[in-house]
Each structure stands twice: as structure tokens, then as C-alpha cells.
Amino acid sequence: MAMAALRREGRRLAPLISPQSITAVRSSLISQEQAPLGLRSISTQIVRNRMKSVKNIQKITKAMKMVAASKLRAIQVRAENSRGLWQPFTALLGDTPSVDVKKNVIVTISSDKGLCGGINSTSVKTSKALKKLTAGPDKETKYVVLGEKAKAQLIRDSKKDIELSITELQKNPLNYTQVSVLADDILKNVEYDALRIVFNKFQSVVSFLPTVATVLSPEAVEKEAEFGGKLGELDSYEIEGGETKSEVLQNLGEFQFSCVLFNAVLENACSEQGARMSAMDSSSRNAGDMLDRLTLTYNRTRQASITTELIEIISGASALEG
């Protein structure tokens, strides 16, 4: 309607407007439209830049989701296969998270990178809660931290309790040999009665379960075996090869810890990639919603700017008529 009114006004006023006046008005409008910092173009320019930024972020989050999906498929198979390593130890020695010992070492497993939801915060919260449960007079609890994110959180209020910290664990694809060397270093550098491994067990792409696995020292195993129960059945086994019971329990404990740690690292890596997939998918959808809102704002702002210009032209034509 505004354009039709403008054409009617132009035809009616054409005999009254000189070529010099038309040239002056046209040059003024062109200079205003081309002004990069003018009041007329600054709002649409800001919205356009914001839309461009959101589109770039959406491309990045979609790419990160695809990368996480490809990594998840590769790690998930290895994690499922590694579950058969520690299950025989659970059948033989059991898993006794409620055992009461003096020296506890909490092995907290996390990731080195972020953008994976609250998976690392969950591990840290579980570790802190476990420390409170195992605290008491004449008891000592220390941390062994695997991963940069858990280290950054625990170092704030538990720096003196961190016995050992290892980062860049997943820089290269892990195998059992590397994890067994890592487990051997942990056993050499810490004194413990019970090792409590805190990790996130993979269930599906959208869910993971905070899990605590307990590995007892040979002395703690012998002490618990005296009280009967699951560990009391160890005396029914015959030992061959000339080794003593203490030596067998020592070797069993080291092998159990390396197997449990290997499975825990792979389970946590699966949970990390699944959480990253979910986080990037949510980010991509949020970016799409924001882009829709920005597009609507841009169209409204652009239409308001065009309407304002048309009103100014018609007003100018009316003023020339008068």
C-alpha cells in the first residue's frame, strides 16, 4: 500500500518537482543506505552478524557430534569385551564396597576435555561423597586422579589429599598393556588397604551410571577372609606351584586392579563420548531455535526500516508539493 501511494504521489507531483530536487533526494537516500555506521543500518547489521555467528557455531557442534559418534562406536566394542576381564575376580573375591579399612585410595577417572555435560562433575561428587563415608579417626583417604577435569575440580579444596595425578590418558588409543603399566605405577606410589575406583559405567548414549569398584590389598583380603563370607571360601582352594597364599593374593590383587582399571577407563571413555553426543545435539538444536528467532527479528527490523524510508520519501514529496 505504501508503494502504491508513493507511485500515485509521484505521478501527481511529477510536473511540480524539478530534476535537481529529485537528484538531491536520491543522493541523500543512497548515502544513508550505504553508511556502515548509520542509525538506519546498524540494527540490521548487528542481527546479521549474530546470525552468521550462530550458523558457524551450529556447524561446529554438528561436526563434533559426528566425531563423537564415530569414536563411541569404536570404544563401545572394546568396553563390552573388557567386561569379561574383571567379572571372574568379582566371582572369586567379591566386591565389598562397605569394607572398613584404615587407608583408602580413591581413584577418580575423568576426561581431559570438556563439552561433555556433567559427566566429570558426577565423578568428582561421587569421590567427595565416598571420602566423607570413609573418613574417621585414625583413617586416611587419598586421591589418585586420572584426567584433567577431575584434577581441576579436586585441586580447589583437596589439593593436599591428591597423592598422584595423571593426565592425557586418552591422547592415544588405550590397550591393556598401557593400563597395566599405569596400574603398576599407582601401586608403587601409594599405600593402601582398599582401592576404590570411581568411574561412569556406560549404559546408553543418553545415560551412564556412576560406579565404584573396590580392590582390597592382600592383607585386607586375608583379614576379611577370617570373618567368613565370600572371601572365607578362599581357603577351600588348593595352591599349586610352590607359592604361598600371600604371594598368590599379591599377584591376584595386582592383576585384578589392572583389569578393573582397564574396564573403568574404557567405560568412562564410552560415557564421555555419549555425553558429548547428547550435549552437541542439544547445542545444535538450541542454535537452530536461536537462528529462527534471529531471522524473525531481522525480518521485522528490515521491514520497519523500509517502512520508515517510504514514510520519509512520501513526507518529502508532500513537503515539496506544499
Protein backbone atom coordinates (compact mmCIF):
# COMPACT_ATOMS: atom_id res chain seq x y z
CA MET A 1 0.00 0.00 0.00
CA ALA A 2 2.82 2.37 0.80
CA MET A 3 4.48 1.71 -2.57
CA ALA A 4 1.16 2.26 -4.39
CA ALA A 5 0.65 5.54 -2.55
CA LEU A 6 4.18 6.57 -3.45
CA ARG A 7 3.57 5.91 -7.14
CA ARG A 8 0.33 7.88 -7.07
CA GLU A 9 2.04 10.76 -5.33
CA GLY A 10 4.92 10.64 -7.79
CA ARG A 11 2.65 10.80 -10.83
CA ARG A 12 0.67 13.66 -9.33
CA LEU A 13 3.71 15.68 -8.29
CA ALA A 14 5.94 14.93 -11.29
CA PRO A 15 5.20 18.30 -13.01
CA LEU A 16 5.99 20.19 -9.81
CA ILE A 17 9.32 18.52 -8.96
CA SER A 18 12.47 19.69 -10.71
CA PRO A 19 15.21 17.28 -11.79
CA GLN A 20 17.61 19.00 -9.38
CA SER A 21 15.34 18.21 -6.39
CA ILE A 22 14.96 14.56 -7.39
CA THR A 23 18.74 14.17 -7.72
CA ALA A 24 19.30 15.74 -4.31
CA VAL A 25 16.77 13.48 -2.57
CA ARG A 26 18.09 10.36 -4.32
CA SER A 27 21.74 11.07 -3.41
CA SER A 28 20.74 11.67 0.21
CA LEU A 29 18.94 8.32 0.48
CA ILE A 30 21.77 6.43 -1.19
CA SER A 31 24.33 7.92 1.18
CA GLN A 32 22.19 6.92 4.18
CA GLU A 33 21.77 3.33 2.95
CA GLN A 34 25.48 2.90 2.27
CA ALA A 35 26.60 4.39 5.57
CA PRO A 36 28.09 1.44 7.53
CA LEU A 37 27.59 3.12 10.89
CA GLY A 38 24.37 4.97 10.19
CA LEU A 39 21.39 4.69 12.52
CA ARG A 40 19.31 3.15 9.74
CA SER A 41 21.60 0.16 9.05
CA ILE A 42 23.22 -0.52 12.41
CA SER A 43 20.42 -2.70 13.86
CA THR A 44 20.09 -5.00 10.84
CA GLN A 45 23.88 -5.27 10.57
CA ILE A 46 24.17 -6.41 14.20
CA VAL A 47 21.45 -9.02 13.76
CA ARG A 48 23.05 -10.23 10.53
CA ASN A 49 26.43 -10.66 12.24
CA ARG A 50 24.79 -12.52 15.10
CA MET A 51 23.05 -14.87 12.67
CA LYS A 52 26.35 -15.59 10.97
CA SER A 53 27.99 -16.42 14.32
CA VAL A 54 25.16 -18.75 15.33
CA LYS A 55 25.37 -20.56 11.96
CA ASN A 56 29.11 -21.11 12.43
CA ILE A 57 28.57 -22.44 15.96
CA GLN A 58 25.88 -24.79 14.69
CA LYS A 59 28.26 -26.18 12.07
CA ILE A 60 30.91 -26.81 14.74
CA THR A 61 28.51 -28.57 17.12
CA LYS A 62 27.17 -30.81 14.35
CA ALA A 63 30.71 -31.77 13.36
CA MET A 64 31.63 -32.52 16.98
CA LYS A 65 28.54 -34.71 17.33
CA MET A 66 29.56 -36.76 14.27
CA VAL A 67 33.13 -37.14 15.57
CA ALA A 68 31.86 -38.27 18.99
CA ALA A 69 29.53 -40.79 17.34
CA SER A 70 32.36 -42.34 15.34
CA LYS A 71 34.61 -42.56 18.43
CA LEU A 72 31.79 -44.04 20.50
CA ARG A 73 31.23 -46.91 18.09
CA ALA A 74 34.93 -47.83 18.23
CA ILE A 75 35.26 -47.64 22.03
CA GLN A 76 31.94 -49.32 22.85
CA VAL A 77 33.01 -52.66 21.36
CA ARG A 78 36.25 -52.64 23.36
CA ALA A 79 34.44 -51.69 26.56
CA GLU A 80 31.93 -54.52 26.21
CA ASN A 81 34.73 -57.01 25.56
CA SER A 82 36.70 -55.78 28.60
CA ARG A 83 33.83 -56.59 30.99
CA GLY A 84 34.81 -60.23 30.88
CA LEU A 85 38.19 -59.45 32.46
CA TRP A 86 37.05 -58.31 35.90
CA GLN A 87 33.93 -60.49 36.28
CA PRO A 88 35.92 -63.64 37.32
CA PHE A 89 37.56 -61.62 40.10
CA THR A 90 34.16 -60.49 41.35
CA ALA A 91 33.02 -64.11 41.38
CA LEU A 92 36.14 -65.18 43.30
CA LEU A 93 36.83 -62.27 45.65
CA GLY A 94 33.53 -60.43 45.52
CA ASP A 95 33.11 -56.66 45.56
CA THR A 96 32.98 -55.28 49.10
CA PRO A 97 32.40 -51.52 48.96
CA SER A 98 31.39 -51.42 52.63
CA VAL A 99 34.68 -52.87 53.92
CA ASP A 100 36.14 -50.82 56.80
CA VAL A 101 39.89 -50.19 56.44
CA LYS A 102 42.30 -47.51 57.61
CA LYS A 103 43.95 -46.47 54.34
CA ASN A 104 41.63 -45.74 51.43
CA VAL A 105 42.76 -44.56 48.00
CA ILE A 106 40.06 -43.19 45.71
CA VAL A 107 40.96 -43.49 42.01
CA THR A 108 38.83 -40.89 40.21
CA ILE A 109 38.57 -41.32 36.44
CA SER A 110 37.52 -38.36 34.28
CA SER A 111 38.16 -36.89 30.85
CA ASP A 112 40.81 -34.45 29.67
CA LYS A 113 38.38 -32.45 27.53
CA GLY A 114 35.11 -30.71 28.27
CA LEU A 115 31.86 -30.17 26.36
CA CYS A 116 30.50 -33.48 27.60
CA GLY A 117 27.78 -32.45 30.03
CA GLY A 118 28.06 -33.22 33.74
CA ILE A 119 29.94 -36.49 33.47
CA ASN A 120 33.10 -35.17 35.15
CA SER A 121 31.21 -33.34 37.89
CA THR A 122 29.38 -36.58 38.67
CA SER A 123 32.67 -38.45 39.18
CA VAL A 124 34.03 -35.69 41.44
CA LYS A 125 30.83 -35.54 43.53
CA THR A 126 30.87 -39.32 43.94
CA SER A 127 34.53 -39.21 45.01
CA LYS A 128 33.88 -36.48 47.59
CA ALA A 129 30.88 -38.35 48.99
CA LEU A 130 32.95 -41.53 49.19
CA LYS A 131 35.68 -39.69 51.07
CA LYS A 132 33.16 -38.50 53.66
CA LEU A 133 31.87 -42.05 54.10
CA THR A 134 35.37 -43.49 54.63
CA ALA A 135 36.55 -40.66 56.89
CA GLY A 136 37.04 -41.24 60.59
CA PRO A 137 39.55 -41.26 63.44
CA ASP A 138 42.83 -42.99 62.61
CA LYS A 139 41.77 -43.24 58.97
CA GLU A 140 43.41 -41.77 55.90
CA THR A 141 41.89 -41.16 52.47
CA LYS A 142 43.90 -40.05 49.44
CA TYR A 143 43.05 -39.33 45.80
CA VAL A 144 44.60 -40.67 42.62
CA VAL A 145 43.22 -38.58 39.75
CA LEU A 146 43.10 -39.68 36.10
CA GLY A 147 42.06 -36.84 33.81
CA GLU A 148 42.46 -33.08 33.69
CA LYS A 149 38.85 -32.17 34.52
CA ALA A 150 38.69 -34.04 37.83
CA LYS A 151 42.10 -32.66 38.78
CA ALA A 152 40.94 -29.08 38.16
CA GLN A 153 37.92 -29.59 40.44
CA LEU A 154 39.57 -31.57 43.24
CA ILE A 155 42.60 -29.31 43.47
CA ARG A 156 40.44 -26.44 44.71
CA ASP A 157 39.61 -27.88 48.13
CA SER A 158 41.52 -31.19 48.31
CA LYS A 159 44.95 -30.34 46.97
CA LYS A 160 46.81 -31.84 49.93
CA ASP A 161 44.91 -35.13 49.55
CA ILE A 162 45.89 -35.73 45.91
CA GLU A 163 48.59 -38.39 46.00
CA LEU A 164 49.05 -38.83 42.24
CA SER A 165 47.69 -37.11 39.14
CA ILE A 166 47.83 -38.43 35.58
CA THR A 167 46.56 -36.50 32.54
CA GLU A 168 46.37 -37.03 28.76
CA LEU A 169 45.39 -40.63 29.38
CA GLN A 170 43.26 -40.86 26.23
CA LYS A 171 45.60 -39.00 23.92
CA ASN A 172 46.33 -42.27 22.16
CA PRO A 173 44.09 -45.37 21.87
CA LEU A 174 44.50 -47.35 25.08
CA ASN A 175 45.29 -51.04 25.31
CA TYR A 176 45.69 -53.36 28.26
CA THR A 177 49.49 -53.13 28.27
CA GLN A 178 49.46 -49.36 28.74
CA VAL A 179 46.85 -49.54 31.51
CA SER A 180 48.72 -52.34 33.31
CA VAL A 181 51.87 -50.18 33.36
CA LEU A 182 49.79 -47.30 34.69
CA ALA A 183 48.28 -49.57 37.36
CA ASP A 184 51.75 -50.76 38.37
CA ASP A 185 52.88 -47.13 38.81
CA ILE A 186 49.86 -46.39 41.03
CA LEU A 187 50.53 -49.45 43.21
CA LYS A 188 54.17 -48.47 43.65
CA ASN A 189 53.45 -44.86 44.62
CA VAL A 190 50.56 -45.24 47.08
CA GLU A 191 49.98 -47.16 50.28
CA TYR A 192 46.51 -48.61 50.56
CA ASP A 193 44.26 -51.11 52.22
CA ALA A 194 41.47 -50.56 49.69
CA LEU A 195 41.47 -49.03 46.22
CA ARG A 196 38.12 -47.55 45.24
CA ILE A 197 37.84 -46.85 41.50
CA VAL A 198 35.20 -44.23 40.66
CA PHE A 199 34.04 -44.15 37.04
CA ASN A 200 30.93 -43.77 34.89
CA LYS A 201 29.61 -47.06 33.56
CA PHE A 202 28.21 -46.80 30.06
CA GLN A 203 24.57 -47.83 29.65
CA SER A 204 23.37 -45.98 26.54
CA VAL A 205 24.09 -42.82 24.59
CA VAL A 206 21.88 -40.78 26.89
CA SER A 207 22.58 -42.46 30.25
CA PHE A 208 25.52 -43.54 32.37
CA LEU A 209 25.76 -44.91 35.90
CA PRO A 210 28.29 -43.62 38.49
CA THR A 211 30.04 -46.77 39.72
CA VAL A 212 32.52 -47.62 42.48
CA ALA A 213 34.69 -50.75 42.20
CA THR A 214 36.70 -51.87 45.25
CA VAL A 215 40.03 -53.70 45.15
CA LEU A 216 41.46 -54.82 48.51
CA SER A 217 45.10 -55.25 49.41
CA PRO A 218 46.33 -58.81 50.14
CA GLU A 219 46.42 -58.05 53.88
CA ALA A 220 42.84 -56.76 53.81
CA VAL A 221 41.74 -59.84 51.85
CA GLU A 222 43.27 -62.18 54.45
CA LYS A 223 41.67 -60.18 57.26
CA GLU A 224 38.25 -60.28 55.61
CA ALA A 225 38.66 -64.00 54.86
CA GLU A 226 38.96 -64.67 58.58
CA PHE A 227 35.44 -63.33 59.09
CA GLY A 228 33.99 -65.78 56.54
CA GLY A 229 31.51 -64.78 53.87
CA LYS A 230 32.55 -64.70 50.22
CA LEU A 231 36.25 -64.32 51.00
CA GLY A 232 36.09 -67.13 53.56
CA GLU A 233 35.82 -69.63 50.70
CA LEU A 234 39.40 -68.88 49.58
CA ASP A 235 40.81 -71.45 51.98
CA SER A 236 38.98 -74.19 50.09
CA TYR A 237 41.20 -73.66 47.01
CA GLU A 238 44.45 -75.59 46.62
CA ILE A 239 47.59 -73.64 45.72
CA GLU A 240 49.97 -75.23 43.22
CA GLY A 241 53.41 -74.17 42.07
CA GLY A 242 55.10 -73.72 45.43
CA GLU A 243 53.80 -70.19 46.03
CA THR A 244 52.46 -69.13 49.38
CA LYS A 245 48.96 -67.83 49.94
CA SER A 246 50.25 -64.27 50.44
CA GLU A 247 52.14 -64.33 47.14
CA VAL A 248 49.10 -65.64 45.29
CA LEU A 249 46.90 -62.94 46.80
CA GLN A 250 49.51 -60.29 45.92
CA ASN A 251 49.57 -61.37 42.26
CA LEU A 252 45.80 -61.70 42.20
CA GLY A 253 45.35 -58.21 43.63
CA GLU A 254 47.67 -56.59 41.10
CA PHE A 255 46.05 -58.39 38.18
CA GLN A 256 42.56 -57.58 39.48
CA PHE A 257 43.38 -53.88 39.78
CA SER A 258 44.81 -53.68 36.24
CA CYS A 259 41.75 -55.45 34.78
CA VAL A 260 39.26 -53.32 36.70
CA LEU A 261 41.15 -50.14 35.80
CA PHE A 262 41.24 -51.09 32.12
CA ASN A 263 37.49 -51.68 32.07
CA ALA A 264 36.83 -48.49 34.06
CA VAL A 265 38.85 -46.32 31.67
CA LEU A 266 37.03 -47.73 28.63
CA GLU A 267 33.58 -47.45 30.27
CA ASN A 268 34.28 -43.84 31.23
CA ALA A 269 35.51 -43.06 27.71
CA CYS A 270 32.26 -44.51 26.29
CA SER A 271 30.20 -42.44 28.70
CA GLU A 272 32.22 -39.35 27.78
CA GLN A 273 31.57 -39.72 24.06
CA GLY A 274 27.89 -40.49 24.63
CA ALA A 275 27.51 -37.43 26.86
CA ARG A 276 29.33 -35.30 24.28
CA MET A 277 26.97 -36.54 21.55
CA SER A 278 23.95 -35.56 23.65
CA ALA A 279 25.45 -32.18 24.57
CA MET A 280 26.33 -31.32 20.97
CA ASP A 281 22.92 -32.44 19.74
CA SER A 282 21.25 -30.16 22.28
CA SER A 283 23.58 -27.32 21.31
CA SER A 284 22.76 -27.77 17.62
CA ARG A 285 19.02 -27.70 18.30
CA ASN A 286 19.38 -24.64 20.53
CA ALA A 287 21.39 -22.91 17.80
CA GLY A 288 18.63 -23.70 15.31
CA ASP A 289 15.98 -22.22 17.62
CA MET A 290 18.10 -19.12 18.17
CA LEU A 291 18.61 -18.78 14.42
CA ASP A 292 14.84 -18.88 13.87
CA ARG A 293 14.32 -16.13 16.44
CA LEU A 294 17.10 -14.02 14.94
CA THR A 295 15.68 -14.45 11.45
CA LEU A 296 12.30 -13.23 12.65
CA THR A 297 13.93 -10.25 14.38
CA TYR A 298 15.96 -9.44 11.27
CA ASN A 299 12.88 -9.51 9.02
CA ARG A 300 10.94 -7.31 11.41
CA THR A 301 13.81 -4.83 11.70
CA ARG A 302 14.34 -4.76 7.94
CA GLN A 303 10.62 -4.23 7.28
CA ALA A 304 10.50 -1.43 9.85
CA SER A 305 13.50 0.23 8.19
CA ILE A 306 11.89 0.02 4.73
CA THR A 307 8.61 1.41 6.05
CA THR A 308 10.43 4.32 7.70
CA GLU A 309 12.24 5.15 4.46
CA LEU A 310 8.99 5.08 2.49
CA ILE A 311 7.33 7.40 5.00
CA GLU A 312 10.27 9.80 4.75
CA ILE A 313 10.09 9.81 0.94
CA ILE A 314 6.34 10.44 0.93
CA SER A 315 6.73 13.16 3.55
CA GLY A 316 9.45 14.76 1.47
CA ALA A 317 7.25 14.62 -1.63
CA SER A 318 4.37 16.15 0.31
CA ALA A 319 6.63 18.91 1.58
CA LEU A 320 7.77 19.67 -1.97
CA GLU A 321 4.15 19.85 -3.06
CA GLY A 322 3.43 22.42 -0.38
